[in-house]
Amino acid sequence: MTARRTGAGPSSAPERRRFGVGEGLALALALAVLALQFRLWSGKGSWAEVAELEDRVVRARAEIATLEGDNAVLAAEVRALKADPERLEARARTDLGMIREGETFIMILPDDAP
């Protein structure tokens, strides 16, 4: 029978634990996963930033659709004004206050006007 040292007693020196290759590799992999998780949850290119950018894209597309509708209405108005001279004249009279040559403009003000 052989005697084993149990670490009890004055003659035993404290043993220093060293990492083995497998333990060092596991620690390195754990640190790499933590670093990648940190990058994934915060900072540039994180999920929060991607979600914010997707929201901005949705809002921009909605605004573009609204503006395209406005442009279509204006384009139809331009085509109508080019095609119908009477409509163009009516628009000039109402929006710009224009009158024909030889016409007299008369404005009737209400009684309470200054």
N, C-alpha and C. Protein backbone atom coordinates (compact mmCIF):
# COMPACT_ATOMS: atom_id res chain seq x y z
N MET A 1 0.81 -1.17 0.00
CA MET A 1 0.00 0.00 0.00
C MET A 1 0.86 1.24 0.00
N THR A 2 0.43 2.22 -0.75
CA THR A 2 1.21 3.44 -0.81
C THR A 2 0.48 4.53 -0.06
N ALA A 3 1.26 5.41 0.50
CA ALA A 3 0.67 6.51 1.27
C ALA A 3 0.38 7.67 0.33
N ARG A 4 -0.78 8.22 0.51
CA ARG A 4 -1.15 9.38 -0.29
C ARG A 4 -1.12 10.61 0.59
N ARG A 5 -0.73 11.67 -0.02
CA ARG A 5 -0.77 12.94 0.71
C ARG A 5 -2.14 13.54 0.52
N THR A 6 -2.72 13.98 1.56
CA THR A 6 -4.06 14.57 1.49
C THR A 6 -4.00 16.07 1.61
N GLY A 7 -2.86 16.61 1.79
CA GLY A 7 -2.74 18.05 1.92
C GLY A 7 -2.89 18.51 3.35
N ALA A 8 -3.11 17.61 4.25
CA ALA A 8 -3.23 18.00 5.66
C ALA A 8 -1.88 17.76 6.32
N GLY A 9 -1.46 18.70 7.06
CA GLY A 9 -0.20 18.54 7.76
C GLY A 9 0.77 19.61 7.36
N PRO A 10 1.79 19.82 8.17
CA PRO A 10 2.73 20.89 7.93
C PRO A 10 3.67 20.65 6.77
N SER A 11 3.83 19.41 6.31
CA SER A 11 4.81 19.16 5.28
C SER A 11 4.26 19.37 3.86
N SER A 12 2.96 19.57 3.73
CA SER A 12 2.41 19.72 2.38
C SER A 12 2.46 21.19 1.95
N ALA A 13 2.94 21.44 0.74
CA ALA A 13 3.01 22.80 0.19
C ALA A 13 1.73 23.06 -0.61
N PRO A 14 1.25 24.32 -0.66
CA PRO A 14 0.04 24.59 -1.43
C PRO A 14 0.30 24.35 -2.92
N GLU A 15 -0.61 23.64 -3.55
CA GLU A 15 -0.45 23.35 -4.96
C GLU A 15 -1.02 24.50 -5.78
N ARG A 16 -0.33 24.85 -6.84
CA ARG A 16 -0.80 25.89 -7.76
C ARG A 16 -1.52 25.21 -8.90
N ARG A 17 -2.72 25.68 -9.14
CA ARG A 17 -3.53 25.10 -10.21
C ARG A 17 -3.19 25.81 -11.51
N ARG A 18 -2.92 25.07 -12.53
CA ARG A 18 -2.64 25.64 -13.84
C ARG A 18 -3.76 25.23 -14.79
N PHE A 19 -4.05 26.18 -15.73
CA PHE A 19 -5.05 25.87 -16.74
C PHE A 19 -4.45 24.91 -17.75
N GLY A 20 -5.25 23.94 -18.11
CA GLY A 20 -4.84 23.03 -19.18
C GLY A 20 -5.21 23.64 -20.52
N VAL A 21 -4.85 22.99 -21.58
CA VAL A 21 -5.13 23.49 -22.92
C VAL A 21 -6.63 23.57 -23.14
N GLY A 22 -7.34 22.55 -22.73
CA GLY A 22 -8.79 22.53 -22.91
C GLY A 22 -9.48 23.62 -22.11
N GLU A 23 -9.04 23.85 -20.91
CA GLU A 23 -9.66 24.90 -20.08
C GLU A 23 -9.36 26.29 -20.63
N GLY A 24 -8.14 26.50 -21.12
CA GLY A 24 -7.77 27.79 -21.72
C GLY A 24 -8.56 28.07 -22.98
N LEU A 25 -8.76 27.03 -23.77
CA LEU A 25 -9.55 27.17 -25.00
C LEU A 25 -11.00 27.49 -24.67
N ALA A 26 -11.53 26.81 -23.66
CA ALA A 26 -12.91 27.07 -23.24
C ALA A 26 -13.05 28.50 -22.74
N LEU A 27 -12.09 28.99 -21.98
CA LEU A 27 -12.13 30.36 -21.47
C LEU A 27 -12.06 31.36 -22.64
N ALA A 28 -11.18 31.09 -23.60
CA ALA A 28 -11.06 31.98 -24.76
C ALA A 28 -12.36 32.00 -25.57
N LEU A 29 -12.97 30.85 -25.76
CA LEU A 29 -14.25 30.79 -26.48
C LEU A 29 -15.35 31.52 -25.72
N ALA A 30 -15.39 31.37 -24.41
CA ALA A 30 -16.40 32.06 -23.60
C ALA A 30 -16.21 33.57 -23.70
N LEU A 31 -14.98 34.05 -23.66
CA LEU A 31 -14.72 35.48 -23.80
C LEU A 31 -15.11 35.98 -25.19
N ALA A 32 -14.85 35.18 -26.21
CA ALA A 32 -15.22 35.57 -27.57
C ALA A 32 -16.74 35.66 -27.72
N VAL A 33 -17.45 34.72 -27.14
CA VAL A 33 -18.92 34.74 -27.19
C VAL A 33 -19.44 35.97 -26.46
N LEU A 34 -18.88 36.29 -25.32
CA LEU A 34 -19.30 37.47 -24.58
C LEU A 34 -19.04 38.75 -25.37
N ALA A 35 -17.89 38.82 -26.02
CA ALA A 35 -17.57 40.00 -26.83
C ALA A 35 -18.55 40.13 -28.00
N LEU A 36 -18.86 39.01 -28.63
CA LEU A 36 -19.81 39.06 -29.75
C LEU A 36 -21.22 39.41 -29.27
N GLN A 37 -21.61 38.90 -28.13
CA GLN A 37 -22.93 39.25 -27.58
C GLN A 37 -23.00 40.73 -27.25
N PHE A 38 -21.94 41.28 -26.71
CA PHE A 38 -21.92 42.71 -26.40
C PHE A 38 -22.09 43.52 -27.68
N ARG A 39 -21.40 43.12 -28.72
CA ARG A 39 -21.48 43.83 -30.01
C ARG A 39 -22.88 43.68 -30.60
N LEU A 40 -23.50 42.52 -30.38
CA LEU A 40 -24.82 42.26 -30.93
C LEU A 40 -25.89 43.11 -30.25
N TRP A 41 -25.76 43.37 -28.98
CA TRP A 41 -26.79 44.07 -28.22
C TRP A 41 -26.56 45.57 -28.11
N SER A 42 -25.33 46.03 -28.32
CA SER A 42 -25.06 47.46 -28.20
C SER A 42 -24.03 47.86 -29.24
N GLY A 43 -23.97 49.16 -29.49
CA GLY A 43 -22.97 49.67 -30.41
C GLY A 43 -23.45 49.68 -31.84
N LYS A 44 -22.52 49.95 -32.74
CA LYS A 44 -22.84 50.06 -34.16
C LYS A 44 -23.16 48.68 -34.72
N GLY A 45 -24.25 48.60 -35.46
CA GLY A 45 -24.66 47.34 -36.06
C GLY A 45 -25.43 46.44 -35.11
N SER A 46 -25.86 46.97 -33.97
CA SER A 46 -26.58 46.16 -33.00
C SER A 46 -28.02 45.95 -33.45
N TRP A 47 -28.72 45.06 -32.77
CA TRP A 47 -30.12 44.79 -33.10
C TRP A 47 -30.96 46.05 -32.92
N ALA A 48 -30.67 46.83 -31.89
CA ALA A 48 -31.43 48.06 -31.65
C ALA A 48 -31.24 49.04 -32.81
N GLU A 49 -30.02 49.17 -33.29
CA GLU A 49 -29.77 50.08 -34.40
C GLU A 49 -30.43 49.58 -35.69
N VAL A 50 -30.39 48.28 -35.91
CA VAL A 50 -31.04 47.72 -37.10
C VAL A 50 -32.54 47.95 -37.04
N ALA A 51 -33.15 47.76 -35.87
CA ALA A 51 -34.59 47.99 -35.73
C ALA A 51 -34.93 49.46 -35.97
N GLU A 52 -34.10 50.36 -35.47
CA GLU A 52 -34.33 51.80 -35.69
C GLU A 52 -34.22 52.15 -37.17
N LEU A 53 -33.23 51.60 -37.85
CA LEU A 53 -33.06 51.87 -39.27
C LEU A 53 -34.22 51.30 -40.09
N GLU A 54 -34.70 50.12 -39.72
CA GLU A 54 -35.86 49.55 -40.42
C GLU A 54 -37.09 50.42 -40.23
N ASP A 55 -37.26 50.98 -39.03
CA ASP A 55 -38.39 51.87 -38.76
C ASP A 55 -38.27 53.14 -39.61
N ARG A 56 -37.06 53.66 -39.72
CA ARG A 56 -36.86 54.86 -40.55
C ARG A 56 -37.14 54.57 -42.02
N VAL A 57 -36.80 53.38 -42.49
CA VAL A 57 -37.08 53.00 -43.87
C VAL A 57 -38.59 52.93 -44.11
N VAL A 58 -39.32 52.36 -43.16
CA VAL A 58 -40.78 52.26 -43.29
C VAL A 58 -41.39 53.66 -43.35
N ARG A 59 -40.94 54.56 -42.45
CA ARG A 59 -41.48 55.92 -42.46
C ARG A 59 -41.12 56.65 -43.74
N ALA A 60 -39.90 56.46 -44.24
CA ALA A 60 -39.48 57.12 -45.48
C ALA A 60 -40.30 56.61 -46.67
N ARG A 61 -40.57 55.30 -46.71
CA ARG A 61 -41.39 54.75 -47.80
C ARG A 61 -42.80 55.30 -47.76
N ALA A 62 -43.36 55.45 -46.56
CA ALA A 62 -44.71 56.02 -46.44
C ALA A 62 -44.72 57.47 -46.92
N GLU A 63 -43.69 58.23 -46.57
CA GLU A 63 -43.61 59.62 -47.01
C GLU A 63 -43.44 59.70 -48.52
N ILE A 64 -42.64 58.80 -49.08
CA ILE A 64 -42.45 58.77 -50.53
C ILE A 64 -43.77 58.47 -51.23
N ALA A 65 -44.54 57.53 -50.70
CA ALA A 65 -45.83 57.19 -51.31
C ALA A 65 -46.76 58.40 -51.29
N THR A 66 -46.77 59.13 -50.17
CA THR A 66 -47.61 60.33 -50.08
C THR A 66 -47.16 61.38 -51.09
N LEU A 67 -45.86 61.60 -51.19
CA LEU A 67 -45.34 62.59 -52.13
C LEU A 67 -45.58 62.19 -53.58
N GLU A 68 -45.50 60.90 -53.88
CA GLU A 68 -45.79 60.44 -55.23
C GLU A 68 -47.25 60.69 -55.58
N GLY A 69 -48.14 60.50 -54.60
CA GLY A 69 -49.56 60.81 -54.82
C GLY A 69 -49.77 62.29 -55.08
N ASP A 70 -49.11 63.13 -54.29
CA ASP A 70 -49.19 64.59 -54.50
C ASP A 70 -48.66 64.97 -55.88
N ASN A 71 -47.56 64.35 -56.29
CA ASN A 71 -46.98 64.64 -57.61
C ASN A 71 -47.93 64.23 -58.73
N ALA A 72 -48.62 63.11 -58.55
CA ALA A 72 -49.57 62.66 -59.57
C ALA A 72 -50.73 63.65 -59.70
N VAL A 73 -51.21 64.18 -58.57
CA VAL A 73 -52.29 65.17 -58.61
C VAL A 73 -51.81 66.43 -59.32
N LEU A 74 -50.62 66.89 -58.99
CA LEU A 74 -50.08 68.10 -59.63
C LEU A 74 -49.84 67.88 -61.13
N ALA A 75 -49.37 66.71 -61.50
CA ALA A 75 -49.14 66.42 -62.92
C ALA A 75 -50.46 66.43 -63.69
N ALA A 76 -51.51 65.89 -63.08
CA ALA A 76 -52.82 65.91 -63.73
C ALA A 76 -53.32 67.35 -63.86
N GLU A 77 -53.09 68.16 -62.84
CA GLU A 77 -53.49 69.57 -62.90
C GLU A 77 -52.74 70.31 -64.02
N VAL A 78 -51.46 70.05 -64.17
CA VAL A 78 -50.68 70.68 -65.22
C VAL A 78 -51.20 70.27 -66.60
N ARG A 79 -51.47 68.96 -66.77
CA ARG A 79 -52.00 68.50 -68.06
C ARG A 79 -53.34 69.16 -68.36
N ALA A 80 -54.21 69.30 -67.35
CA ALA A 80 -55.51 69.92 -67.55
C ALA A 80 -55.36 71.39 -67.92
N LEU A 81 -54.44 72.09 -67.26
CA LEU A 81 -54.24 73.51 -67.56
C LEU A 81 -53.67 73.71 -68.97
N LYS A 82 -52.80 72.79 -69.39
CA LYS A 82 -52.23 72.90 -70.74
C LYS A 82 -53.27 72.59 -71.81
N ALA A 83 -54.18 71.69 -71.51
CA ALA A 83 -55.16 71.25 -72.50
C ALA A 83 -56.35 72.20 -72.63
N ASP A 84 -56.70 72.93 -71.58
CA ASP A 84 -57.91 73.75 -71.58
C ASP A 84 -57.56 75.21 -71.26
N PRO A 85 -57.52 76.09 -72.26
CA PRO A 85 -57.16 77.48 -72.01
C PRO A 85 -58.16 78.20 -71.10
N GLU A 86 -59.44 77.83 -71.17
CA GLU A 86 -60.43 78.46 -70.29
C GLU A 86 -60.16 78.13 -68.83
N ARG A 87 -59.77 76.90 -68.59
CA ARG A 87 -59.43 76.50 -67.22
C ARG A 87 -58.19 77.26 -66.73
N LEU A 88 -57.23 77.45 -67.60
CA LEU A 88 -56.02 78.21 -67.26
C LEU A 88 -56.39 79.65 -66.92
N GLU A 89 -57.28 80.25 -67.72
CA GLU A 89 -57.70 81.62 -67.44
C GLU A 89 -58.45 81.71 -66.12
N ALA A 90 -59.33 80.77 -65.86
CA ALA A 90 -60.07 80.78 -64.59
C ALA A 90 -59.12 80.65 -63.40
N ARG A 91 -58.13 79.82 -63.56
CA ARG A 91 -57.14 79.65 -62.47
C ARG A 91 -56.34 80.94 -62.27
N ALA A 92 -55.96 81.60 -63.35
CA ALA A 92 -55.21 82.85 -63.25
C ALA A 92 -56.06 83.93 -62.59
N ARG A 93 -57.35 83.97 -62.90
CA ARG A 93 -58.23 84.98 -62.30
C ARG A 93 -58.42 84.73 -60.81
N THR A 94 -58.66 83.50 -60.43
CA THR A 94 -58.95 83.22 -59.01
C THR A 94 -57.69 83.22 -58.15
N ASP A 95 -56.65 82.57 -58.61
CA ASP A 95 -55.45 82.42 -57.77
C ASP A 95 -54.53 83.63 -57.83
N LEU A 96 -54.42 84.25 -59.00
CA LEU A 96 -53.46 85.34 -59.17
C LEU A 96 -54.11 86.72 -59.25
N GLY A 97 -55.45 86.77 -59.31
CA GLY A 97 -56.15 88.07 -59.38
C GLY A 97 -55.95 88.79 -60.70
N MET A 98 -55.70 88.06 -61.75
CA MET A 98 -55.45 88.68 -63.06
C MET A 98 -56.78 89.07 -63.72
N ILE A 99 -56.73 90.13 -64.54
CA ILE A 99 -57.89 90.57 -65.31
C ILE A 99 -57.46 90.75 -66.76
N ARG A 100 -58.45 90.73 -67.66
CA ARG A 100 -58.14 90.92 -69.08
C ARG A 100 -57.90 92.39 -69.37
N GLU A 101 -57.24 92.61 -70.46
CA GLU A 101 -57.00 93.98 -70.88
C GLU A 101 -58.36 94.61 -71.25
N GLY A 102 -58.59 95.82 -70.74
CA GLY A 102 -59.84 96.52 -71.01
C GLY A 102 -60.90 96.26 -69.95
N GLU A 103 -60.70 95.29 -69.05
CA GLU A 103 -61.66 95.03 -67.98
C GLU A 103 -61.39 95.98 -66.82
N THR A 104 -62.41 96.26 -66.07
CA THR A 104 -62.28 97.08 -64.87
C THR A 104 -62.56 96.18 -63.67
N PHE A 105 -61.64 96.21 -62.72
CA PHE A 105 -61.78 95.40 -61.51
C PHE A 105 -62.50 96.21 -60.45
N ILE A 106 -63.56 95.66 -59.91
CA ILE A 106 -64.32 96.32 -58.86
C ILE A 106 -64.39 95.36 -57.68
N MET A 107 -63.96 95.82 -56.50
CA MET A 107 -64.01 95.01 -55.29
C MET A 107 -65.03 95.63 -54.35
N ILE A 108 -65.98 94.84 -53.90
CA ILE A 108 -66.99 95.33 -52.96
C ILE A 108 -66.58 94.82 -51.59
N LEU A 109 -66.37 95.75 -50.69
CA LEU A 109 -65.95 95.42 -49.33
C LEU A 109 -67.18 95.36 -48.42
N PRO A 110 -67.12 94.52 -47.40
CA PRO A 110 -68.22 94.50 -46.44
C PRO A 110 -68.24 95.79 -45.62
N ASP A 111 -69.37 96.08 -44.99
CA ASP A 111 -69.53 97.32 -44.24
C ASP A 111 -68.54 97.43 -43.09
N ASP A 112 -68.16 96.34 -42.47
CA ASP A 112 -67.28 96.41 -41.30
C ASP A 112 -65.79 96.39 -41.67
N ALA A 113 -65.45 96.46 -42.94
CA ALA A 113 -64.05 96.45 -43.37
C ALA A 113 -63.43 97.84 -43.12
N PRO A 114 -62.16 97.88 -42.76
CA PRO A 114 -61.51 99.19 -42.51
C PRO A 114 -61.30 100.01 -43.77
